[in-house]
């Protein structure tokens, strides 16, 4: 039996503008490209942090108030971190996998 592979994604802790009306304003979002291990993800992030910030800003636009940090995380880690920040669990599993 093959071992299950857990993918890591570049994840960004951000704060949205209060004008969005969303709550909580702070949360983790993930980029779409998976990495087979955390080390590859961290190496990619270290070399590409500026383009990643620009992509984040281009995708979220004026809703983005502040970028805090990049971290390489699994989907489950981001899910748990967002719950800890006060986000409601998504209504369906498909809603939890939205990525940039």
C-alpha atoms as a PDB file:
ATOM      1  CA  UNK A   1       0.000   0.000   0.000  1.00  0.00           C
ATOM      2  CA  UNK A   2       1.385   3.415  -0.985  1.00  0.00           C
ATOM      3  CA  UNK A   3       1.844   6.093   1.637  1.00  0.00           C
ATOM      4  CA  UNK A   4      -0.412   9.109   1.382  1.00  0.00           C
ATOM      5  CA  UNK A   5       1.375  12.245   0.194  1.00  0.00           C
ATOM      6  CA  UNK A   6       0.471  15.510   1.891  1.00  0.00           C
ATOM      7  CA  UNK A   7       0.874  18.563  -0.313  1.00  0.00           C
ATOM      8  CA  UNK A   8       2.164  21.874   0.989  1.00  0.00           C
ATOM      9  CA  UNK A   9       1.027  25.205  -0.404  1.00  0.00           C
ATOM     10  CA  UNK A  10       2.404  28.724  -0.116  1.00  0.00           C
ATOM     11  CA  UNK A  11      -0.018  30.285   2.356  1.00  0.00           C
ATOM     12  CA  UNK A  12      -0.417  33.961   3.202  1.00  0.00           C
ATOM     13  CA  UNK A  13      -1.702  35.502   6.419  1.00  0.00           C
ATOM     14  CA  UNK A  14      -3.597  38.618   5.391  1.00  0.00           C
ATOM     15  CA  UNK A  15      -5.946  41.236   6.787  1.00  0.00           C
ATOM     16  CA  UNK A  16      -8.801  42.520   4.652  1.00  0.00           C
ATOM     17  CA  UNK A  17     -10.188  46.058   4.691  1.00  0.00           C
ATOM     18  CA  UNK A  18     -12.952  46.663   7.210  1.00  0.00           C
ATOM     19  CA  UNK A  19     -15.065  48.006   4.317  1.00  0.00           C
ATOM     20  CA  UNK A  20     -15.497  44.430   3.062  1.00  0.00           C
ATOM     21  CA  UNK A  21     -17.888  43.818   5.963  1.00  0.00           C
ATOM     22  CA  UNK A  22     -16.335  40.400   6.486  1.00  0.00           C
ATOM     23  CA  UNK A  23     -15.494  39.076   9.915  1.00  0.00           C
ATOM     24  CA  UNK A  24     -12.949  38.180  11.046  1.00  0.00           C
ATOM     25  CA  UNK A  25     -10.783  40.326   8.813  1.00  0.00           C
ATOM     26  CA  UNK A  26      -7.619  38.302   9.327  1.00  0.00           C
ATOM     27  CA  UNK A  27      -7.124  34.896   7.737  1.00  0.00           C
ATOM     28  CA  UNK A  28      -4.951  32.499   5.793  1.00  0.00           C
ATOM     29  CA  UNK A  29      -5.275  31.986   2.051  1.00  0.00           C
ATOM     30  CA  UNK A  30      -3.374  29.558  -0.143  1.00  0.00           C
ATOM     31  CA  UNK A  31      -1.861  29.642  -3.607  1.00  0.00           C
ATOM     32  CA  UNK A  32      -2.830  26.848  -6.022  1.00  0.00           C
ATOM     33  CA  UNK A  33       0.558  25.282  -6.769  1.00  0.00           C
ATOM     34  CA  UNK A  34       1.233  22.249  -4.539  1.00  0.00           C
ATOM     35  CA  UNK A  35       4.681  21.174  -3.338  1.00  0.00           C
ATOM     36  CA  UNK A  36       5.486  17.609  -2.353  1.00  0.00           C
ATOM     37  CA  UNK A  37       7.334  18.720   0.767  1.00  0.00           C
ATOM     38  CA  UNK A  38       7.706  21.731   3.016  1.00  0.00           C
ATOM     39  CA  UNK A  39      11.370  22.317   2.112  1.00  0.00           C
ATOM     40  CA  UNK A  40      10.614  22.770  -1.617  1.00  0.00           C
ATOM     41  CA  UNK A  41       7.753  25.103  -0.758  1.00  0.00           C
ATOM     42  CA  UNK A  42       9.943  27.197   1.554  1.00  0.00           C
ATOM     43  CA  UNK A  43      12.745  27.413  -1.037  1.00  0.00           C
ATOM     44  CA  UNK A  44      10.258  28.560  -3.682  1.00  0.00           C
ATOM     45  CA  UNK A  45       8.747  31.135  -1.328  1.00  0.00           C
ATOM     46  CA  UNK A  46      12.160  32.548  -0.352  1.00  0.00           C
ATOM     47  CA  UNK A  47      13.094  33.166  -3.990  1.00  0.00           C
ATOM     48  CA  UNK A  48       9.659  34.357  -5.156  1.00  0.00           C
ATOM     49  CA  UNK A  49       8.246  36.381  -2.262  1.00  0.00           C
ATOM     50  CA  UNK A  50       7.897  39.635  -4.240  1.00  0.00           C
ATOM     51  CA  UNK A  51       6.062  38.048  -7.219  1.00  0.00           C
ATOM     52  CA  UNK A  52       3.851  36.165  -4.746  1.00  0.00           C
ATOM     53  CA  UNK A  53       2.939  39.412  -2.959  1.00  0.00           C
ATOM     54  CA  UNK A  54       2.179  41.041  -6.311  1.00  0.00           C
ATOM     55  CA  UNK A  55      -0.028  38.085  -7.310  1.00  0.00           C
ATOM     56  CA  UNK A  56      -1.815  38.270  -3.978  1.00  0.00           C
ATOM     57  CA  UNK A  57      -2.452  41.988  -4.418  1.00  0.00           C
ATOM     58  CA  UNK A  58      -3.585  41.454  -8.019  1.00  0.00           C
ATOM     59  CA  UNK A  59      -6.056  38.768  -6.977  1.00  0.00           C
ATOM     60  CA  UNK A  60      -7.470  40.378  -3.838  1.00  0.00           C
ATOM     61  CA  UNK A  61      -7.030  43.989  -4.969  1.00  0.00           C
ATOM     62  CA  UNK A  62      -8.408  46.789  -2.818  1.00  0.00           C
ATOM     63  CA  UNK A  63      -9.862  44.322  -0.328  1.00  0.00           C
ATOM     64  CA  UNK A  64      -6.315  43.614   0.918  1.00  0.00           C
ATOM     65  CA  UNK A  65      -5.421  45.841   3.857  1.00  0.00           C
ATOM     66  CA  UNK A  66      -2.244  44.139   5.064  1.00  0.00           C
ATOM     67  CA  UNK A  67       0.006  41.223   4.196  1.00  0.00           C
ATOM     68  CA  UNK A  68       1.623  39.658   7.274  1.00  0.00           C
ATOM     69  CA  UNK A  69       3.638  36.601   6.273  1.00  0.00           C
ATOM     70  CA  UNK A  70       4.077  33.620   4.003  1.00  0.00           C
ATOM     71  CA  UNK A  71       4.189  30.140   5.464  1.00  0.00           C
ATOM     72  CA  UNK A  72       4.149  26.716   3.801  1.00  0.00           C
ATOM     73  CA  UNK A  73       1.129  24.830   5.108  1.00  0.00           C
ATOM     74  CA  UNK A  74      -1.121  21.912   4.261  1.00  0.00           C
ATOM     75  CA  UNK A  75      -4.805  22.442   3.514  1.00  0.00           C
ATOM     76  CA  UNK A  76      -5.657  21.040   6.958  1.00  0.00           C
ATOM     77  CA  UNK A  77      -3.209  23.398   8.694  1.00  0.00           C
ATOM     78  CA  UNK A  78      -4.784  26.420   6.991  1.00  0.00           C
ATOM     79  CA  UNK A  79      -8.271  25.151   7.797  1.00  0.00           C
ATOM     80  CA  UNK A  80      -7.332  24.755  11.482  1.00  0.00           C
ATOM     81  CA  UNK A  81      -5.543  28.132  11.595  1.00  0.00           C
ATOM     82  CA  UNK A  82      -8.586  29.914  10.137  1.00  0.00           C
ATOM     83  CA  UNK A  83     -10.914  28.224  12.630  1.00  0.00           C
ATOM     84  CA  UNK A  84      -8.559  29.393  15.415  1.00  0.00           C
ATOM     85  CA  UNK A  85      -8.855  32.958  14.037  1.00  0.00           C
ATOM     86  CA  UNK A  86     -12.637  32.770  14.392  1.00  0.00           C
ATOM     87  CA  UNK A  87     -13.728  31.747  10.886  1.00  0.00           C
ATOM     88  CA  UNK A  88     -16.756  29.497  10.588  1.00  0.00           C
ATOM     89  CA  UNK A  89     -16.126  26.082   9.053  1.00  0.00           C
ATOM     90  CA  UNK A  90     -17.202  26.028   5.383  1.00  0.00           C
ATOM     91  CA  UNK A  91     -20.639  24.594   4.631  1.00  0.00           C
ATOM     92  CA  UNK A  92     -19.161  22.014   2.260  1.00  0.00           C
ATOM     93  CA  UNK A  93     -15.660  20.525   1.930  1.00  0.00           C
ATOM     94  CA  UNK A  94     -15.368  22.024  -1.580  1.00  0.00           C
ATOM     95  CA  UNK A  95     -15.616  25.557  -0.097  1.00  0.00           C
ATOM     96  CA  UNK A  96     -12.549  25.021   2.095  1.00  0.00           C
ATOM     97  CA  UNK A  97     -10.234  24.440  -0.876  1.00  0.00           C
ATOM     98  CA  UNK A  98     -10.480  27.840  -2.578  1.00  0.00           C
ATOM     99  CA  UNK A  99      -7.023  28.998  -3.557  1.00  0.00           C
ATOM    100  CA  UNK A 100      -5.360  31.886  -5.361  1.00  0.00           C
END
